[in-house]
Amino acid sequence: MKLKISKFMLALLFLGFSSQVSMAQEKNDKMQWWKEARFGLFIHWGLYAVPAGVWKGREVPGIGEWIMNRGKIPVADYRQFAKNFNPVKFNAEEWVKMAKNAGMKYIVITSKHHDGFAMFKSKDSFNIVDATPFKRDIVAEMAAACKKYGIRLGLYYSQAQDWNHPGGAASGGHWDSAQNGNMDQYIDKVAVPQVKEILTHYGTISVIWWDTPIDMNAERAGKIMDAVKATQPDIIMNNRLGAGVAGDLETPEQYIPATGYPGLNWESCMTMNNTWGFKSNDNNWKSSKTLIRNLVDIASKGGNYLLNVGPTADGIIPAPSVERFQQIGHWLKINGEAIYGTSASPFAYLPWGRATVKENKLFLHVLNWPVNGSLKIPLSGSIKKAYFLSDKNIPLKVTQKGIYTFFQLPALAPDSNATVIALELKDKPVSSLTSPIPSMNKTANASSTEPDVSGKWNAENAFDNNSQSSWKSAKNDTAAWLSVDLGKPFSIGALAISEAGGHILKYSVEYKEGNDWKKLLEAGSLGNIVKQFQPVTAQQFRLNISQAKKGGVEIKAFQLFYDE
């Protein structure tokens, strides 16, 4: 995986309503199970679990599965780890049952990561059957267990980076002459044959997960695509093959997009601690509450949550991971109806939580229990029934007045992780607000724009509620601003901003009062944020970037929300 900084977005708003992009019926059919699943397990496991982040007595910085690259370990030395890789405590059925009990519907496991080591029986000898004392095919055992317990199986395969085979790509360049070679020959002799192996030897593979397409070009990607089409043409494929191949999934890594990806299939892959592959010194575990709320946040924006675990070299899933899986599973047994098979929220902003939709049902996920016990939502339509999923006997008073529906709740939240209220409606849930995002498609300006005759980087792209488009400043600018005019004053109480590239080092968000710009908030690096603040009434707002790296600032989304 790529290294990115992760922060759980605590915020109190979410963006879920989106226009649906029409797709071919064939694609809709193959994606249907995936859209209903909402929750999957990522497993990063390979030789890197043996050193577990430590090389020659020192901890190597970075994520565990990148130890060979970050530590510049010679090929011959790294290959020696295979002699000590004997995961005798591995039990595929236990892993799959754990995932199923956690409420997960599919598993994606690394068949080969960037270190070039295959976790399956391959004609290439650098694999778990031929190079280790274990002598067992991990992928074969996982495929059998998934079939037995009704879990979909996906395989991660590093198609470009390979630090052990001559010609494979390497982030930062090769550090050992043994890595030198021709990449086209690597594609022909290693990547394509192994893709054919993993897609022909293990039955139906539901997902193929590519990663880091360094040095991939159209010809190389085309050869791999030919191998996929010849073996499992209906497989779901992510967007990381390279050379402009879109795939079926957007794959934000280690963050939840502030606006989701309206109209597209997307999946946030995230770790439980800091690393993907096992690292012995990484004990920075996210709480179960955070993980449950991540799942709620992602589902409310129409995405899937691919939650990672990094097993040890013995074949053990770390106890903190197992504990969190059990707690997530317990929550889903009660509230799974509000996650599986749901679509994104019809509301742009809910100050207390999130919402999901399933046909004529609306699920309100209350994350911040109101002090006065009162909630309101801008709901259009008649409510037939309202109740808590955790206990239908808890009193719930509902009053509809004008464009708002009010709920009077008990003093204490039934579930501190996320309490779910189910509403059965006469019709499909719709927001009663005619302009739920005041900033969407409004007049925008910027201090500069990276030249592009197609308008690719224009300022208004940041306000179109489309995470696929962006505003980008001139590449030499180390300071810049992006502003929006709402057309008339609005009371604004929250915002969402998504940055690409991580170039921003210091920024503030400001509003105009008279002739002066006044600060709402300021911070250092930006990334992807969702923030609530003391409401202000103004017509003009701006993102003021006072310090940034060279290369141009890129903002994919900047949206403002009513104080509701």
Protein backbone atom coordinates (compact mmCIF):
# COMPACT_ATOMS: atom_id res chain seq x y z
CA MET A 1 0.00 0.00 0.00
CA LYS A 2 0.98 3.64 -0.37
CA LEU A 3 1.83 5.51 2.79
CA LYS A 4 -0.69 8.21 3.66
CA ILE A 5 -1.51 10.00 6.88
CA SER A 6 -4.85 8.93 8.35
CA LYS A 7 -7.19 10.82 10.69
CA PHE A 8 -10.71 9.69 11.60
CA MET A 9 -13.06 12.40 10.46
CA LEU A 10 -15.02 13.18 13.59
CA ALA A 11 -17.16 15.70 11.94
CA LEU A 12 -20.76 16.17 12.00
CA LEU A 13 -21.70 16.37 8.40
CA PHE A 14 -21.84 14.16 5.51
CA LEU A 15 -22.48 14.29 1.85
CA GLY A 16 -24.43 11.57 0.35
CA PHE A 17 -26.86 12.75 -2.16
CA SER A 18 -25.48 12.35 -5.60
CA SER A 19 -26.52 11.90 -9.16
CA GLN A 20 -26.25 8.37 -10.43
CA VAL A 21 -24.06 7.74 -13.43
CA SER A 22 -25.66 5.42 -15.94
CA MET A 23 -23.65 2.28 -16.54
CA ALA A 24 -23.98 -0.68 -18.85
CA GLN A 25 -26.36 -3.37 -17.55
CA GLU A 26 -23.52 -5.88 -17.52
CA LYS A 27 -21.46 -3.70 -15.18
CA ASN A 28 -24.46 -3.05 -12.93
CA ASP A 29 -25.04 -6.80 -12.62
CA LYS A 30 -21.48 -7.66 -11.64
CA MET A 31 -21.32 -4.79 -9.15
CA GLN A 32 -24.61 -5.59 -7.41
CA TRP A 33 -23.22 -7.89 -4.72
CA TRP A 34 -20.41 -5.43 -4.03
CA LYS A 35 -22.80 -2.50 -3.63
CA GLU A 36 -24.83 -4.47 -1.11
CA ALA A 37 -21.79 -5.73 0.82
CA ARG A 38 -20.53 -2.38 2.19
CA PHE A 39 -17.90 -4.05 4.42
CA GLY A 40 -14.87 -6.17 3.56
CA LEU A 41 -11.61 -7.46 5.04
CA PHE A 42 -8.19 -6.57 3.62
CA ILE A 43 -5.32 -8.92 4.56
CA HIS A 44 -1.71 -7.83 4.03
CA TRP A 45 0.46 -10.87 4.60
CA GLY A 46 3.80 -11.96 3.20
CA LEU A 47 7.51 -12.36 3.93
CA TYR A 48 7.63 -8.90 5.48
CA ALA A 49 5.88 -10.38 8.53
CA VAL A 50 9.16 -12.16 9.39
CA PRO A 51 11.29 -9.03 10.04
CA ALA A 52 8.12 -7.30 11.30
CA GLY A 53 9.62 -3.84 10.78
CA VAL A 54 13.11 -4.56 12.13
CA TRP A 55 16.29 -5.03 10.03
CA LYS A 56 19.74 -5.56 11.51
CA GLY A 57 18.58 -4.64 14.99
CA ARG A 58 16.89 -1.34 14.12
CA GLU A 59 13.35 -0.39 13.30
CA VAL A 60 12.91 0.65 9.68
CA PRO A 61 10.63 3.70 9.35
CA GLY A 62 7.41 3.36 7.41
CA ILE A 63 4.82 0.68 6.91
CA GLY A 64 5.69 -2.96 7.48
CA GLU A 65 5.31 -4.37 3.98
CA TRP A 66 7.69 -1.72 2.59
CA ILE A 67 10.63 -2.76 4.79
CA MET A 68 12.65 -4.09 1.85
CA ASN A 69 12.32 -0.78 0.00
CA ARG A 70 12.68 1.54 2.98
CA GLY A 71 15.56 -0.42 4.46
CA LYS A 72 17.22 -0.96 1.06
CA ILE A 73 17.59 -4.64 1.88
CA PRO A 74 19.57 -6.51 -0.83
CA VAL A 75 17.63 -9.09 -2.83
CA ALA A 76 19.76 -12.00 -1.60
CA ASP A 77 19.28 -10.99 2.05
CA TYR A 78 15.54 -10.48 1.73
CA ARG A 79 15.08 -13.87 0.10
CA GLN A 80 16.57 -15.47 3.22
CA PHE A 81 13.44 -14.54 5.16
CA ALA A 82 11.64 -17.31 3.25
CA LYS A 83 13.63 -19.94 5.18
CA ASN A 84 12.03 -18.66 8.41
CA PHE A 85 8.50 -18.18 7.13
CA ASN A 86 6.56 -21.07 8.64
CA PRO A 87 3.08 -19.85 9.68
CA VAL A 88 1.98 -23.11 11.31
CA LYS A 89 -0.75 -21.32 13.33
CA PHE A 90 -2.51 -20.16 10.16
CA ASN A 91 -6.03 -21.50 9.85
CA ALA A 92 -7.98 -20.27 6.84
CA GLU A 93 -11.35 -21.34 8.23
CA GLU A 94 -10.77 -19.45 11.48
CA TRP A 95 -9.86 -16.30 9.55
CA VAL A 96 -12.88 -16.51 7.29
CA LYS A 97 -15.25 -17.23 10.18
CA MET A 98 -13.78 -14.27 12.06
CA ALA A 99 -14.48 -12.01 9.07
CA LYS A 100 -18.00 -13.38 8.71
CA ASN A 101 -18.75 -12.88 12.41
CA ALA A 102 -17.45 -9.31 12.09
CA GLY A 103 -20.12 -8.70 9.45
CA MET A 104 -17.76 -8.64 6.48
CA LYS A 105 -19.02 -9.89 3.13
CA TYR A 106 -15.76 -10.23 1.20
CA ILE A 107 -12.02 -10.67 1.72
CA VAL A 108 -9.13 -9.30 -0.34
CA ILE A 109 -5.76 -10.93 0.47
CA THR A 110 -2.31 -10.19 -0.93
CA SER A 111 -1.38 -12.89 -3.42
CA LYS A 112 1.86 -11.02 -4.20
CA HIS A 113 3.00 -7.70 -2.78
CA HIS A 114 5.80 -5.40 -3.93
CA ASP A 115 8.45 -7.72 -2.46
CA GLY A 116 7.70 -10.16 -5.28
CA PHE A 117 6.91 -13.11 -2.99
CA ALA A 118 3.90 -15.19 -4.07
CA MET A 119 1.56 -16.51 -1.39
CA PHE A 120 0.43 -19.21 -3.80
CA LYS A 121 1.96 -22.09 -5.76
CA SER A 122 3.54 -20.51 -8.84
CA LYS A 123 5.82 -21.62 -11.63
CA ASP A 124 8.09 -18.85 -10.39
CA SER A 125 9.98 -20.48 -7.50
CA PHE A 126 9.86 -17.47 -5.14
CA ASN A 127 6.60 -18.63 -3.55
CA ILE A 128 5.31 -19.97 -0.25
CA VAL A 129 5.13 -23.59 -1.41
CA ASP A 130 8.60 -23.88 -2.97
CA ALA A 131 10.69 -21.38 -0.95
CA THR A 132 9.49 -21.89 2.64
CA PRO A 133 9.26 -24.77 5.13
CA PHE A 134 5.49 -24.22 5.24
CA LYS A 135 4.90 -25.83 1.82
CA ARG A 136 1.21 -24.86 1.70
CA ASP A 137 -0.73 -22.69 -0.75
CA ILE A 138 -2.31 -19.85 1.27
CA VAL A 139 -4.53 -18.64 -1.58
CA ALA A 140 -5.86 -22.16 -2.18
CA GLU A 141 -6.79 -22.59 1.49
CA MET A 142 -8.42 -19.15 1.68
CA ALA A 143 -10.39 -19.85 -1.51
CA ALA A 144 -11.71 -23.12 -0.07
CA ALA A 145 -12.68 -21.52 3.25
CA CYS A 146 -14.39 -18.56 1.58
CA LYS A 147 -16.43 -20.91 -0.60
CA LYS A 148 -17.42 -22.98 2.44
CA TYR A 149 -18.64 -20.00 4.46
CA GLY A 150 -20.17 -17.91 1.67
CA ILE A 151 -17.62 -15.10 1.64
CA ARG A 152 -16.48 -13.53 -1.63
CA LEU A 153 -12.71 -13.76 -2.30
CA GLY A 154 -10.58 -11.05 -3.87
CA LEU A 155 -6.85 -11.04 -4.57
CA TYR A 156 -4.37 -8.18 -4.36
CA TYR A 157 -1.57 -8.45 -6.94
CA SER A 158 1.31 -6.00 -7.35
CA GLN A 159 1.53 -5.80 -11.12
CA ALA A 160 4.28 -3.19 -11.49
CA GLN A 161 6.43 -2.93 -8.39
CA ASP A 162 8.47 -6.06 -7.75
CA TRP A 163 11.70 -5.64 -5.80
CA ASN A 164 12.87 -9.24 -6.19
CA HIS A 165 12.52 -9.93 -9.90
CA PRO A 166 14.77 -8.28 -12.53
CA GLY A 167 12.90 -5.54 -14.38
CA GLY A 168 10.22 -5.00 -11.78
CA ALA A 169 9.53 -1.36 -10.92
CA ALA A 170 10.64 0.15 -7.61
CA SER A 171 9.55 3.34 -5.91
CA GLY A 172 12.61 5.59 -5.71
CA GLY A 173 14.56 3.40 -8.13
CA HIS A 174 16.51 0.18 -7.74
CA TRP A 175 19.11 -0.16 -4.97
CA ASP A 176 20.51 -3.57 -5.91
CA SER A 177 21.96 -4.58 -9.29
CA ALA A 178 20.03 -7.85 -8.98
CA GLN A 179 16.86 -5.82 -9.59
CA ASN A 180 18.05 -4.45 -12.91
CA GLY A 181 16.36 -5.73 -16.02
CA ASN A 182 13.79 -5.07 -18.69
CA MET A 183 10.30 -4.25 -17.39
CA ASP A 184 8.59 -5.50 -20.54
CA GLN A 185 10.26 -8.87 -19.99
CA TYR A 186 9.16 -8.79 -16.35
CA ILE A 187 5.55 -8.19 -17.44
CA ASP A 188 5.76 -11.05 -19.95
CA LYS A 189 7.61 -13.58 -17.78
CA VAL A 190 6.35 -12.85 -14.25
CA ALA A 191 3.29 -10.60 -14.03
CA VAL A 192 1.13 -11.95 -16.86
CA PRO A 193 1.80 -15.63 -16.07
CA GLN A 194 1.07 -15.12 -12.38
CA VAL A 195 -2.13 -13.18 -13.09
CA LYS A 196 -3.24 -16.13 -15.20
CA GLU A 197 -2.33 -18.51 -12.36
CA ILE A 198 -4.31 -16.72 -9.66
CA LEU A 199 -7.32 -16.30 -11.94
CA THR A 200 -7.47 -19.91 -13.19
CA HIS A 201 -6.44 -22.10 -10.24
CA TYR A 202 -8.81 -21.02 -7.45
CA GLY A 203 -12.32 -20.85 -8.84
CA THR A 204 -14.25 -17.59 -9.00
CA ILE A 205 -12.25 -14.57 -7.84
CA SER A 206 -14.60 -11.67 -7.20
CA VAL A 207 -12.10 -8.79 -7.03
CA ILE A 208 -8.62 -8.13 -8.42
CA TRP A 209 -6.83 -5.36 -6.52
CA TRP A 210 -3.88 -3.72 -8.32
CA ASP A 211 -1.52 -1.25 -6.66
CA THR A 212 1.14 1.44 -7.32
CA PRO A 213 1.34 1.38 -11.15
CA ILE A 214 4.91 2.72 -11.34
CA ASP A 215 6.27 2.70 -14.93
CA MET A 216 3.13 1.10 -16.31
CA ASN A 217 2.25 2.08 -19.85
CA ALA A 218 -0.60 1.24 -22.18
CA GLU A 219 1.15 -1.78 -23.70
CA ARG A 220 2.02 -3.32 -20.33
CA ALA A 221 -1.42 -2.66 -18.89
CA GLY A 222 -2.99 -4.06 -22.06
CA LYS A 223 -1.17 -7.38 -21.69
CA ILE A 224 -2.38 -7.75 -18.12
CA MET A 225 -5.92 -6.79 -19.11
CA ASP A 226 -5.84 -9.41 -21.85
CA ALA A 227 -4.91 -12.01 -19.23
CA VAL A 228 -7.81 -10.92 -17.03
CA LYS A 229 -10.36 -10.92 -19.84
CA ALA A 230 -9.23 -14.36 -20.96
CA THR A 231 -9.71 -15.86 -17.50
CA GLN A 232 -12.37 -14.00 -15.47
CA PRO A 233 -13.89 -11.21 -17.59
CA ASP A 234 -16.60 -10.37 -15.01
CA ILE A 235 -14.18 -9.77 -12.16
CA ILE A 236 -14.38 -6.43 -10.32
CA MET A 237 -11.17 -4.45 -10.78
CA ASN A 238 -9.94 -1.38 -8.92
CA ASN A 239 -8.49 1.76 -10.52
CA ARG A 240 -4.77 1.17 -9.90
CA LEU A 241 -3.68 -0.91 -12.89
CA GLY A 242 -2.23 2.20 -14.52
CA ALA A 243 -2.04 3.73 -18.01
CA GLY A 244 -5.44 5.36 -17.60
CA VAL A 245 -7.39 2.14 -17.02
CA ALA A 246 -10.33 3.32 -14.89
CA GLY A 247 -11.46 0.00 -13.48
CA ASP A 248 -14.68 -0.35 -11.49
CA LEU A 249 -13.67 1.21 -8.17
CA GLU A 250 -12.22 4.43 -6.83
CA THR A 251 -9.85 3.60 -3.97
CA PRO A 252 -9.23 6.39 -1.44
CA GLU A 253 -6.55 5.11 0.94
CA GLN A 254 -6.41 5.81 4.67
CA TYR A 255 -9.11 8.47 4.52
CA ILE A 256 -12.81 8.95 3.95
CA PRO A 257 -13.48 11.47 1.15
CA ALA A 258 -15.28 14.52 2.48
CA THR A 259 -17.80 14.34 -0.35
CA GLY A 260 -17.54 10.69 -1.31
CA TYR A 261 -17.46 9.98 -5.06
CA PRO A 262 -20.95 10.89 -6.26
CA GLY A 263 -22.18 8.53 -8.96
CA LEU A 264 -19.16 6.21 -8.74
CA ASN A 265 -18.35 2.99 -6.93
CA TRP A 266 -15.71 3.60 -4.28
CA GLU A 267 -14.04 1.86 -1.40
CA SER A 268 -11.98 3.35 1.44
CA CYS A 269 -9.19 0.98 2.42
CA MET A 270 -7.91 1.71 5.91
CA THR A 271 -5.77 0.16 8.63
CA MET A 272 -6.64 -0.58 12.26
CA ASN A 273 -3.29 0.79 13.43
CA ASN A 274 -0.63 2.59 11.34
CA THR A 275 0.63 -0.20 9.11
CA TRP A 276 -0.77 -2.66 6.59
CA GLY A 277 1.71 -5.52 6.93
CA PHE A 278 2.54 -6.66 10.47
CA LYS A 279 4.98 -4.46 12.35
CA SER A 280 5.86 -5.58 15.88
CA ASN A 281 6.20 -2.08 17.34
CA ASP A 282 2.95 -0.64 15.96
CA ASN A 283 0.41 -0.60 18.78
CA ASN A 284 -1.46 2.56 17.77
CA TRP A 285 -4.85 0.88 17.50
CA LYS A 286 -7.99 2.76 16.56
CA SER A 287 -10.90 2.20 18.92
CA SER A 288 -13.88 0.04 17.97
CA LYS A 289 -15.99 3.17 18.20
CA THR A 290 -13.85 4.89 15.57
CA LEU A 291 -14.00 1.86 13.27
CA ILE A 292 -17.78 1.56 13.59
CA ARG A 293 -18.20 5.26 12.89
CA ASN A 294 -15.88 4.96 9.88
CA LEU A 295 -18.18 2.26 8.53
CA VAL A 296 -21.24 4.44 9.12
CA ASP A 297 -19.58 7.49 7.55
CA ILE A 298 -18.52 5.55 4.44
CA ALA A 299 -21.91 3.85 3.96
CA SER A 300 -23.65 7.21 4.35
CA LYS A 301 -21.68 8.47 1.36
CA GLY A 302 -22.39 5.40 -0.76
CA GLY A 303 -19.02 3.67 -0.36
CA ASN A 304 -17.55 0.42 0.98
CA TYR A 305 -15.15 -0.01 3.90
CA LEU A 306 -12.18 -2.34 3.33
CA LEU A 307 -10.65 -2.73 6.79
CA ASN A 308 -7.14 -4.18 6.99
CA VAL A 309 -5.39 -6.68 9.23
CA GLY A 310 -1.71 -7.66 9.17
CA PRO A 311 -1.12 -11.22 10.46
CA THR A 312 2.12 -12.28 12.14
CA ALA A 313 4.74 -14.60 10.63
CA ASP A 314 3.24 -17.40 12.75
CA GLY A 315 -0.12 -16.96 11.05
CA ILE A 316 -1.86 -15.20 13.92
CA ILE A 317 -4.17 -12.21 13.56
CA PRO A 318 -3.17 -9.80 16.36
CA ALA A 319 -5.44 -9.91 19.41
CA PRO A 320 -6.38 -6.18 19.25
CA SER A 321 -7.69 -6.75 15.72
CA VAL A 322 -9.71 -9.80 16.77
CA GLU A 323 -11.22 -7.88 19.69
CA ARG A 324 -12.29 -5.02 17.42
CA PHE A 325 -13.75 -7.39 14.84
CA GLN A 326 -15.90 -8.94 17.58
CA GLN A 327 -17.17 -5.55 18.70
CA ILE A 328 -17.94 -4.39 15.16
CA GLY A 329 -19.72 -7.70 14.54
CA HIS A 330 -21.85 -7.22 17.64
CA TRP A 331 -22.90 -3.75 16.46
CA LEU A 332 -23.73 -5.03 12.98
CA LYS A 333 -25.85 -7.89 14.27
CA ILE A 334 -28.14 -5.23 15.72
CA ASN A 335 -27.75 -2.50 13.11
CA GLY A 336 -26.68 -4.29 9.92
CA GLU A 337 -29.98 -3.48 8.23
CA ALA A 338 -28.86 0.17 8.22
CA ILE A 339 -25.57 -0.68 6.44
CA TYR A 340 -25.97 -3.60 4.02
CA GLY A 341 -27.66 -2.82 0.72
CA THR A 342 -28.11 0.83 1.60
CA SER A 343 -27.51 3.88 -0.54
CA ALA A 344 -26.17 7.32 0.31
CA SER A 345 -27.94 9.86 2.47
CA PRO A 346 -30.41 12.29 0.89
CA PHE A 347 -29.16 15.02 3.26
CA ALA A 348 -26.14 17.22 2.69
CA TYR A 349 -25.68 18.05 6.36
CA LEU A 350 -26.79 16.55 9.65
CA PRO A 351 -25.10 18.18 12.63
CA TRP A 352 -25.53 15.12 14.85
CA GLY A 353 -24.62 12.22 12.56
CA ARG A 354 -25.25 10.36 9.32
CA ALA A 355 -28.05 8.68 7.39
CA THR A 356 -28.48 5.78 4.99
CA VAL A 357 -31.40 4.73 2.77
CA LYS A 358 -32.90 1.42 1.73
CA GLU A 359 -35.96 1.72 -0.51
CA ASN A 360 -38.63 3.47 1.61
CA LYS A 361 -36.62 3.20 4.82
CA LEU A 362 -34.42 5.92 6.23
CA PHE A 363 -31.84 5.10 8.90
CA LEU A 364 -30.57 7.89 11.14
CA HIS A 365 -27.18 7.12 12.70
CA VAL A 366 -26.93 9.37 15.77
CA LEU A 367 -23.26 9.91 16.60
CA ASN A 368 -23.60 12.97 18.84
CA TRP A 369 -26.46 12.57 21.26
CA PRO A 370 -28.32 15.89 21.68
CA VAL A 371 -28.10 17.43 25.14
CA ASN A 372 -31.70 18.57 25.00
CA GLY A 373 -32.88 15.25 23.55
CA SER A 374 -34.19 16.84 20.36
CA LEU A 375 -33.17 16.06 16.75
CA LYS A 376 -34.49 17.55 13.55
CA ILE A 377 -34.09 16.59 9.90
CA PRO A 378 -35.27 18.32 6.72
CA LEU A 379 -37.41 15.38 5.59
CA SER A 380 -40.04 15.48 2.90
CA GLY A 381 -42.69 12.78 3.12
CA SER A 382 -44.94 10.99 5.55
CA ILE A 383 -43.52 8.74 8.29
CA LYS A 384 -45.46 5.53 8.85
CA LYS A 385 -43.31 4.12 11.64
CA ALA A 386 -40.25 5.15 13.69
CA TYR A 387 -38.19 3.04 16.13
CA PHE A 388 -34.71 2.28 17.43
CA LEU A 389 -33.09 -0.74 15.79
CA SER A 390 -31.59 -1.76 19.13
CA ASP A 391 -34.92 -1.75 20.96
CA LYS A 392 -38.29 -1.08 19.37
CA ASN A 393 -39.83 -0.59 22.82
CA ILE A 394 -37.87 2.59 23.61
CA PRO A 395 -40.28 5.56 23.36
CA LEU A 396 -39.64 7.81 20.37
CA LYS A 397 -41.82 10.87 19.86
CA VAL A 398 -41.98 12.18 16.28
CA THR A 399 -43.44 15.52 15.19
CA GLN A 400 -43.54 16.86 11.64
CA LYS A 401 -43.77 20.63 11.29
CA GLY A 402 -43.24 22.46 8.02
CA ILE A 403 -40.17 21.16 6.20
CA TYR A 404 -38.69 19.60 9.34
CA THR A 405 -39.27 16.42 11.31
CA PHE A 406 -38.46 16.55 15.04
CA PHE A 407 -37.56 13.63 17.29
CA GLN A 408 -37.66 13.66 21.08
CA LEU A 409 -35.11 11.16 22.35
CA PRO A 410 -34.41 9.59 25.74
CA ALA A 411 -31.79 11.22 27.96
CA LEU A 412 -29.08 8.64 27.23
CA ALA A 413 -28.01 7.09 23.94
CA PRO A 414 -28.86 3.37 23.71
CA ASP A 415 -25.53 2.82 21.92
CA SER A 416 -22.54 5.13 22.45
CA ASN A 417 -20.92 3.93 19.20
CA ALA A 418 -23.82 4.87 16.94
CA THR A 419 -27.52 4.67 17.76
CA VAL A 420 -29.70 3.91 14.75
CA ILE A 421 -33.28 5.15 14.32
CA ALA A 422 -35.28 3.45 11.55
CA LEU A 423 -38.00 5.38 9.74
CA GLU A 424 -40.50 3.61 7.52
CA LEU A 425 -41.89 6.09 5.00
CA LYS A 426 -44.69 6.14 2.51
CA ASP A 427 -42.25 7.04 -0.28
CA LYS A 428 -38.50 7.11 -0.82
CA PRO A 429 -36.78 9.59 1.56
CA VAL A 430 -36.12 13.02 0.07
CA SER A 431 -34.64 16.17 1.60
CA SER A 432 -37.10 19.02 1.99
CA LEU A 433 -34.37 21.61 1.36
CA THR A 434 -34.36 22.92 -2.21
CA SER A 435 -30.71 24.07 -2.04
CA PRO A 436 -29.03 21.76 0.48
CA ILE A 437 -25.46 22.82 -0.39
CA PRO A 438 -25.34 26.62 -0.71
CA SER A 439 -21.87 26.59 -2.29
CA MET A 440 -22.55 24.02 -5.00
CA ASN A 441 -21.98 25.35 -8.53
CA LYS A 442 -21.73 28.95 -7.33
CA THR A 443 -19.40 31.65 -8.70
CA ALA A 444 -15.79 30.88 -7.79
CA ASN A 445 -12.48 32.68 -8.18
CA ALA A 446 -8.86 31.88 -7.42
CA SER A 447 -5.54 33.68 -7.10
CA SER A 448 -4.19 31.62 -10.01
CA THR A 449 -5.01 28.57 -12.09
CA GLU A 450 -2.68 26.02 -13.65
CA PRO A 451 -3.03 26.55 -17.42
CA ASP A 452 -5.18 24.03 -19.28
CA VAL A 453 -7.27 24.94 -22.32
CA SER A 454 -9.92 22.36 -21.41
CA GLY A 455 -10.68 24.09 -18.12
CA LYS A 456 -9.48 21.07 -16.17
CA TRP A 457 -8.22 23.12 -13.22
CA ASN A 458 -10.77 25.98 -13.08
CA ALA A 459 -11.86 27.32 -9.68
CA GLU A 460 -15.50 26.30 -10.06
CA ASN A 461 -14.46 22.64 -10.24
CA ALA A 462 -13.97 22.66 -6.47
CA PHE A 463 -17.64 23.50 -5.95
CA ASP A 464 -19.35 21.04 -8.30
CA ASN A 465 -19.77 18.20 -5.73
CA ASN A 466 -17.65 15.98 -7.95
CA SER A 467 -14.51 14.53 -6.38
CA GLN A 468 -13.16 13.68 -9.84
CA SER A 469 -12.63 17.34 -10.75
CA SER A 470 -10.32 19.90 -9.15
CA TRP A 471 -9.03 23.43 -8.92
CA LYS A 472 -5.27 23.69 -9.13
CA SER A 473 -3.15 26.77 -8.58
CA ALA A 474 -0.15 27.67 -10.74
CA LYS A 475 2.59 25.12 -10.05
CA ASN A 476 5.13 27.67 -8.83
CA ASP A 477 2.79 29.26 -6.28
CA THR A 478 3.59 28.67 -2.61
CA ALA A 479 0.62 30.80 -1.52
CA ALA A 480 -2.85 30.91 -3.07
CA TRP A 481 -6.54 31.42 -2.39
CA LEU A 482 -9.84 29.98 -3.59
CA SER A 483 -13.11 31.86 -3.00
CA VAL A 484 -16.82 31.35 -3.56
CA ASP A 485 -19.74 33.78 -3.71
CA LEU A 486 -23.00 32.22 -2.50
CA GLY A 487 -25.09 34.86 -4.24
CA LYS A 488 -26.75 35.96 -1.00
CA PRO A 489 -25.93 35.62 2.72
CA PHE A 490 -26.39 32.19 4.31
CA SER A 491 -25.91 30.98 7.87
CA ILE A 492 -23.03 28.51 7.46
CA GLY A 493 -22.10 26.07 10.22
CA ALA A 494 -19.89 23.42 8.61
CA LEU A 495 -17.58 22.72 5.68
CA ALA A 496 -15.82 19.92 3.84
CA ILE A 497 -12.53 20.24 1.94
CA SER A 498 -10.60 17.55 0.06
CA GLU A 499 -7.01 18.23 -1.03
CA ALA A 500 -4.95 16.10 -3.39
CA GLY A 501 -1.17 15.92 -3.24
CA GLY A 502 -0.66 17.11 0.32
CA HIS A 503 1.10 20.34 -0.68
CA ILE A 504 -0.65 22.65 1.78
CA LEU A 505 1.41 23.46 4.88
CA LYS A 506 -0.63 26.28 6.40
CA TYR A 507 -4.11 27.58 5.65
CA SER A 508 -7.17 29.37 7.00
CA VAL A 509 -10.85 29.42 6.04
CA GLU A 510 -12.30 32.93 6.04
CA TYR A 511 -15.55 34.81 5.45
CA LYS A 512 -16.04 38.36 4.27
CA GLU A 513 -17.60 40.93 6.56
CA GLY A 514 -17.83 44.32 4.93
CA ASN A 515 -14.44 44.83 3.27
CA ASP A 516 -12.56 42.56 5.67
CA TRP A 517 -11.80 38.85 5.62
CA LYS A 518 -12.27 37.21 9.02
CA LYS A 519 -10.95 33.79 10.01
CA LEU A 520 -13.26 30.88 10.77
CA LEU A 521 -10.45 28.42 11.41
CA GLU A 522 -6.77 27.90 10.66
CA ALA A 523 -4.41 24.95 10.74
CA GLY A 524 -1.31 23.41 9.19
CA SER A 525 -1.60 20.58 6.68
CA LEU A 526 -5.03 20.14 5.11
CA GLY A 527 -5.62 16.76 3.47
CA ASN A 528 -9.29 15.85 3.81
CA ILE A 529 -11.25 17.65 6.50
CA VAL A 530 -14.81 17.91 7.69
CA LYS A 531 -15.35 20.69 10.23
CA GLN A 532 -18.19 22.18 12.20
CA PHE A 533 -17.83 25.69 13.66
CA GLN A 534 -19.77 28.46 15.33
CA PRO A 535 -22.23 29.54 12.60
CA VAL A 536 -21.59 32.74 10.67
CA THR A 537 -23.83 34.54 8.20
CA ALA A 538 -21.99 35.70 5.09
CA GLN A 539 -22.09 35.64 1.30
CA GLN A 540 -18.39 35.19 0.45
CA PHE A 541 -16.00 32.57 1.82
CA ARG A 542 -12.48 31.59 0.88
CA LEU A 543 -9.72 29.08 1.51
CA ASN A 544 -6.58 31.13 2.09
CA ILE A 545 -3.37 29.11 1.69
CA SER A 546 -0.46 31.00 3.21
CA GLN A 547 2.20 28.31 2.83
CA ALA A 548 2.47 25.41 0.39
CA LYS A 549 5.04 23.27 -1.36
CA LYS A 550 5.87 24.03 -4.99
CA GLY A 551 3.99 22.06 -7.58
CA GLY A 552 0.56 23.62 -7.27
CA VAL A 553 -2.19 23.25 -4.70
CA GLU A 554 -5.03 20.96 -5.80
CA ILE A 555 -8.47 21.14 -4.17
CA LYS A 556 -10.94 18.45 -5.24
CA ALA A 557 -13.87 19.62 -3.13
CA PHE A 558 -14.77 22.69 -1.07
CA GLN A 559 -18.34 22.78 0.17
CA LEU A 560 -20.19 24.87 2.76
CA PHE A 561 -23.29 23.79 4.68
CA TYR A 562 -26.25 25.39 6.38
CA ASP A 563 -26.34 25.79 10.10
CA GLU A 564 -29.23 23.38 10.68
